[in-house]
Each structure stands twice: as structure tokens, then as C-alpha cells.
Amino acid sequence: MSTAAKIVEPRVMSIEVSDDEIIAHLVDGRTISVPLVWSWRLSEATQEQRQHFEILGDGQGIHWPDIDEDISVEGMLHGAPAPRPTTSTRHAA
């Protein structure tokens, strides 16, 4: 008799945003955190904007509507900081 382990996608149960990090409490009991600077939008946002978030779907990610930022649980787990956009220095001729 074999037993197959059920693979469960990591999902957020609750979120905390401090001055230094984003802390996610997952439904499976784990707590993960990433540095706030991984999201340049969040690191430059006001405390009020940081505290206004929505958990997406079944907990697959978090959305901050005031600053249009989304962070997935997978991104937090795999260490994927948001890249800051670059500005072009080219000028039209």
C-alpha cells in the first residue's frame, strides 16, 4: 500500500508589515518574512499605505491598492525581489 503526499500550494492566512519586513503567516503554520526593501514601492510608501492591503484569491498573494503592488507567496518563498524600473536616458533625435 502506498501513500501519496498531497502537495498543497502555500497560502497566506495573515500579513504584518513592519518598518523593516513583510511577514506572512501561512495556513500550513509557517511564518515567512522578506525585507521590506525587496519591494521598492512598499519601502517608499507611507505607513498608512503599507497597512492597506488585500489578500489575493485563496491566499496566493498580497495586493496593496494604494501603490499598485502585488507580492506572491511563491515570490516570497523563492526570494524574488521586485526590480526597480530603469529610466531611459535616450533622447529622440
N, C-alpha and C. Protein backbone atom coordinates (compact mmCIF):
# COMPACT_ATOMS: atom_id res chain seq x y z
N MET A 1 0.84 -1.17 0.00
CA MET A 1 0.00 0.00 0.00
C MET A 1 0.89 1.25 0.00
N SER A 2 0.63 2.16 -0.90
CA SER A 2 1.43 3.38 -0.94
C SER A 2 0.57 4.57 -0.55
N THR A 3 1.24 5.53 0.03
CA THR A 3 0.55 6.75 0.42
C THR A 3 1.16 7.91 -0.34
N ALA A 4 0.36 8.61 -1.08
CA ALA A 4 0.85 9.76 -1.83
C ALA A 4 0.64 11.02 -1.00
N ALA A 5 1.67 11.79 -0.87
CA ALA A 5 1.57 13.04 -0.13
C ALA A 5 0.85 14.07 -0.99
N LYS A 6 -0.11 14.73 -0.42
CA LYS A 6 -0.84 15.76 -1.14
C LYS A 6 -0.01 17.05 -1.13
N ILE A 7 0.28 17.57 -2.31
CA ILE A 7 1.05 18.81 -2.42
C ILE A 7 0.07 19.97 -2.29
N VAL A 8 0.32 20.80 -1.31
CA VAL A 8 -0.55 21.94 -1.06
C VAL A 8 0.19 23.22 -1.40
N GLU A 9 -0.43 24.04 -2.20
CA GLU A 9 0.16 25.33 -2.56
C GLU A 9 0.21 26.21 -1.32
N PRO A 10 1.33 26.88 -1.07
CA PRO A 10 1.41 27.75 0.11
C PRO A 10 0.43 28.92 -0.02
N ARG A 11 -0.29 29.20 1.05
CA ARG A 11 -1.29 30.27 1.04
C ARG A 11 -1.16 31.13 2.29
N VAL A 12 -1.41 32.42 2.12
CA VAL A 12 -1.34 33.38 3.22
C VAL A 12 -2.62 33.34 4.04
N MET A 13 -2.44 33.35 5.36
CA MET A 13 -3.57 33.47 6.26
C MET A 13 -3.67 34.91 6.77
N SER A 14 -2.50 35.51 7.09
CA SER A 14 -2.48 36.89 7.56
C SER A 14 -1.12 37.50 7.25
N ILE A 15 -1.10 38.83 7.28
CA ILE A 15 0.10 39.60 6.92
C ILE A 15 0.38 40.65 7.97
N GLU A 16 1.65 40.92 8.20
CA GLU A 16 2.10 42.05 9.00
C GLU A 16 3.16 42.78 8.19
N VAL A 17 3.12 44.10 8.24
CA VAL A 17 4.15 44.89 7.57
C VAL A 17 4.77 45.80 8.61
N SER A 18 6.04 45.58 8.90
CA SER A 18 6.75 46.41 9.87
C SER A 18 7.56 47.45 9.12
N ASP A 19 8.37 48.21 9.83
CA ASP A 19 9.24 49.19 9.19
C ASP A 19 10.36 48.52 8.39
N ASP A 20 10.62 47.23 8.67
CA ASP A 20 11.75 46.54 8.06
C ASP A 20 11.41 45.31 7.24
N GLU A 21 10.22 44.71 7.47
CA GLU A 21 9.94 43.47 6.77
C GLU A 21 8.46 43.23 6.53
N ILE A 22 8.20 42.32 5.60
CA ILE A 22 6.86 41.84 5.31
C ILE A 22 6.80 40.43 5.89
N ILE A 23 5.85 40.19 6.78
CA ILE A 23 5.75 38.92 7.48
C ILE A 23 4.44 38.26 7.08
N ALA A 24 4.53 37.05 6.54
CA ALA A 24 3.34 36.31 6.12
C ALA A 24 3.17 35.08 7.00
N HIS A 25 1.98 34.93 7.55
CA HIS A 25 1.61 33.74 8.31
C HIS A 25 0.82 32.86 7.35
N LEU A 26 1.32 31.67 7.08
CA LEU A 26 0.71 30.77 6.11
C LEU A 26 -0.29 29.83 6.77
N VAL A 27 -1.23 29.33 5.97
CA VAL A 27 -2.26 28.44 6.52
C VAL A 27 -1.70 27.13 7.03
N ASP A 28 -0.51 26.74 6.54
CA ASP A 28 0.09 25.48 6.99
C ASP A 28 0.89 25.63 8.29
N GLY A 29 0.87 26.84 8.88
CA GLY A 29 1.55 27.05 10.15
C GLY A 29 2.90 27.73 10.06
N ARG A 30 3.45 27.84 8.85
CA ARG A 30 4.74 28.51 8.69
C ARG A 30 4.57 30.02 8.74
N THR A 31 5.64 30.68 9.16
CA THR A 31 5.73 32.13 9.10
C THR A 31 6.98 32.45 8.29
N ILE A 32 6.81 33.26 7.24
CA ILE A 32 7.94 33.65 6.41
C ILE A 32 8.02 35.17 6.38
N SER A 33 9.21 35.67 6.14
CA SER A 33 9.37 37.12 6.05
C SER A 33 10.42 37.45 5.01
N VAL A 34 10.26 38.64 4.45
CA VAL A 34 11.24 39.16 3.50
C VAL A 34 11.50 40.61 3.87
N PRO A 35 12.68 41.12 3.53
CA PRO A 35 12.98 42.52 3.82
C PRO A 35 12.03 43.45 3.06
N LEU A 36 11.61 44.51 3.70
CA LEU A 36 10.72 45.48 3.08
C LEU A 36 11.35 46.07 1.82
N VAL A 37 12.66 46.22 1.80
CA VAL A 37 13.33 46.81 0.64
C VAL A 37 13.24 45.92 -0.61
N TRP A 38 12.78 44.68 -0.47
CA TRP A 38 12.56 43.85 -1.64
C TRP A 38 11.47 44.43 -2.51
N SER A 39 10.63 45.26 -1.94
CA SER A 39 9.60 45.96 -2.71
C SER A 39 9.90 47.44 -2.62
N TRP A 40 10.45 48.00 -3.67
CA TRP A 40 10.78 49.43 -3.64
C TRP A 40 9.52 50.26 -3.45
N ARG A 41 8.39 49.80 -3.99
CA ARG A 41 7.15 50.55 -3.80
C ARG A 41 6.75 50.58 -2.32
N LEU A 42 6.84 49.45 -1.66
CA LEU A 42 6.48 49.42 -0.24
C LEU A 42 7.49 50.17 0.62
N SER A 43 8.77 50.06 0.27
CA SER A 43 9.77 50.75 1.09
C SER A 43 9.65 52.27 0.96
N GLU A 44 9.09 52.76 -0.16
CA GLU A 44 8.90 54.19 -0.34
C GLU A 44 7.49 54.66 0.05
N ALA A 45 6.61 53.72 0.41
CA ALA A 45 5.23 54.05 0.76
C ALA A 45 5.14 54.56 2.19
N THR A 46 4.02 55.22 2.48
CA THR A 46 3.77 55.66 3.85
C THR A 46 3.33 54.45 4.69
N GLN A 47 3.39 54.60 5.99
CA GLN A 47 2.94 53.53 6.89
C GLN A 47 1.47 53.20 6.63
N GLU A 48 0.67 54.22 6.38
CA GLU A 48 -0.76 54.02 6.10
C GLU A 48 -0.94 53.20 4.82
N GLN A 49 -0.19 53.52 3.79
CA GLN A 49 -0.28 52.76 2.53
C GLN A 49 0.17 51.31 2.72
N ARG A 50 1.19 51.10 3.53
CA ARG A 50 1.69 49.74 3.78
C ARG A 50 0.66 48.89 4.51
N GLN A 51 -0.14 49.52 5.36
CA GLN A 51 -1.11 48.78 6.16
C GLN A 51 -2.42 48.52 5.40
N HIS A 52 -2.59 49.12 4.24
CA HIS A 52 -3.79 48.92 3.44
C HIS A 52 -3.50 47.88 2.36
N PHE A 53 -3.78 46.63 2.67
CA PHE A 53 -3.51 45.53 1.74
C PHE A 53 -4.70 44.59 1.68
N GLU A 54 -4.71 43.76 0.65
CA GLU A 54 -5.74 42.75 0.46
C GLU A 54 -5.04 41.42 0.19
N ILE A 55 -5.56 40.35 0.76
CA ILE A 55 -5.05 39.02 0.43
C ILE A 55 -5.75 38.57 -0.84
N LEU A 56 -4.97 38.16 -1.82
CA LEU A 56 -5.50 37.80 -3.13
C LEU A 56 -5.98 36.35 -3.19
N GLY A 57 -7.12 36.17 -3.85
CA GLY A 57 -7.65 34.84 -4.10
C GLY A 57 -7.79 34.02 -2.84
N ASP A 58 -7.23 32.83 -2.90
CA ASP A 58 -7.25 31.90 -1.77
C ASP A 58 -6.02 32.07 -0.89
N GLY A 59 -5.34 33.21 -1.01
CA GLY A 59 -4.15 33.45 -0.23
C GLY A 59 -2.87 33.30 -1.02
N GLN A 60 -2.96 33.35 -2.36
CA GLN A 60 -1.78 33.18 -3.19
C GLN A 60 -0.85 34.38 -3.15
N GLY A 61 -1.35 35.53 -2.73
CA GLY A 61 -0.53 36.72 -2.71
C GLY A 61 -1.19 37.86 -1.96
N ILE A 62 -0.53 39.01 -2.00
CA ILE A 62 -0.99 40.20 -1.30
C ILE A 62 -0.97 41.35 -2.29
N HIS A 63 -1.99 42.21 -2.21
CA HIS A 63 -2.09 43.38 -3.09
C HIS A 63 -2.22 44.63 -2.22
N TRP A 64 -1.44 45.66 -2.57
CA TRP A 64 -1.51 46.97 -1.93
C TRP A 64 -2.11 47.93 -2.95
N PRO A 65 -3.43 48.21 -2.88
CA PRO A 65 -4.09 49.00 -3.91
C PRO A 65 -3.61 50.45 -3.99
N ASP A 66 -3.21 51.04 -2.89
CA ASP A 66 -2.79 52.44 -2.89
C ASP A 66 -1.52 52.68 -3.70
N ILE A 67 -0.68 51.64 -3.80
CA ILE A 67 0.59 51.80 -4.52
C ILE A 67 0.73 50.81 -5.68
N ASP A 68 -0.36 50.06 -5.95
CA ASP A 68 -0.40 49.10 -7.05
C ASP A 68 0.76 48.11 -6.99
N GLU A 69 0.91 47.47 -5.83
CA GLU A 69 1.98 46.48 -5.63
C GLU A 69 1.36 45.12 -5.32
N ASP A 70 1.92 44.08 -5.92
CA ASP A 70 1.50 42.71 -5.66
C ASP A 70 2.73 41.89 -5.32
N ILE A 71 2.59 41.04 -4.31
CA ILE A 71 3.66 40.11 -3.95
C ILE A 71 3.03 38.74 -3.78
N SER A 72 3.60 37.75 -4.45
CA SER A 72 3.08 36.39 -4.33
C SER A 72 3.79 35.65 -3.20
N VAL A 73 3.11 34.66 -2.65
CA VAL A 73 3.73 33.81 -1.64
C VAL A 73 4.91 33.07 -2.26
N GLU A 74 4.74 32.61 -3.49
CA GLU A 74 5.83 31.92 -4.18
C GLU A 74 7.05 32.83 -4.31
N GLY A 75 6.83 34.10 -4.65
CA GLY A 75 7.94 35.04 -4.75
C GLY A 75 8.66 35.22 -3.43
N MET A 76 7.88 35.28 -2.34
CA MET A 76 8.50 35.40 -1.02
C MET A 76 9.32 34.16 -0.69
N LEU A 77 8.78 33.00 -1.00
CA LEU A 77 9.47 31.74 -0.69
C LEU A 77 10.72 31.54 -1.53
N HIS A 78 10.69 32.01 -2.77
CA HIS A 78 11.81 31.78 -3.68
C HIS A 78 12.80 32.94 -3.72
N GLY A 79 12.53 33.98 -2.94
CA GLY A 79 13.47 35.09 -2.89
C GLY A 79 13.53 35.89 -4.16
N ALA A 80 12.40 36.47 -4.54
CA ALA A 80 12.34 37.23 -5.78
C ALA A 80 12.01 38.70 -5.51
N PRO A 81 13.02 39.53 -5.24
CA PRO A 81 12.76 40.96 -5.02
C PRO A 81 12.22 41.62 -6.28
N ALA A 82 11.39 42.65 -6.10
CA ALA A 82 10.84 43.38 -7.24
C ALA A 82 11.91 44.30 -7.82
N PRO A 83 12.16 44.22 -9.12
CA PRO A 83 13.15 45.11 -9.72
C PRO A 83 12.62 46.52 -9.85
N ARG A 84 13.46 47.49 -9.59
CA ARG A 84 13.09 48.89 -9.77
C ARG A 84 13.17 49.19 -11.26
N PRO A 85 12.15 49.86 -11.79
CA PRO A 85 12.21 50.18 -13.22
C PRO A 85 13.37 51.12 -13.53
N THR A 86 13.92 50.94 -14.70
CA THR A 86 15.02 51.83 -15.13
C THR A 86 14.45 52.89 -16.05
N THR A 87 15.04 54.05 -16.01
CA THR A 87 14.60 55.12 -16.91
C THR A 87 15.60 55.22 -18.05
N SER A 88 15.07 55.46 -19.20
CA SER A 88 15.91 55.54 -20.38
C SER A 88 16.54 56.93 -20.45
N THR A 89 17.80 56.96 -20.84
CA THR A 89 18.50 58.26 -20.98
C THR A 89 18.59 58.68 -22.43
N ARG A 90 17.95 57.89 -23.32
CA ARG A 90 17.97 58.24 -24.74
C ARG A 90 17.02 59.39 -25.01
N HIS A 91 17.41 60.23 -25.94
CA HIS A 91 16.59 61.36 -26.37
C HIS A 91 16.26 61.18 -27.84
N ALA A 92 15.06 61.57 -28.20
CA ALA A 92 14.65 61.47 -29.61
C ALA A 92 15.45 62.49 -30.44
N ALA A 93 15.85 62.06 -31.62
CA ALA A 93 16.64 62.95 -32.49
C ALA A 93 15.74 63.78 -33.36
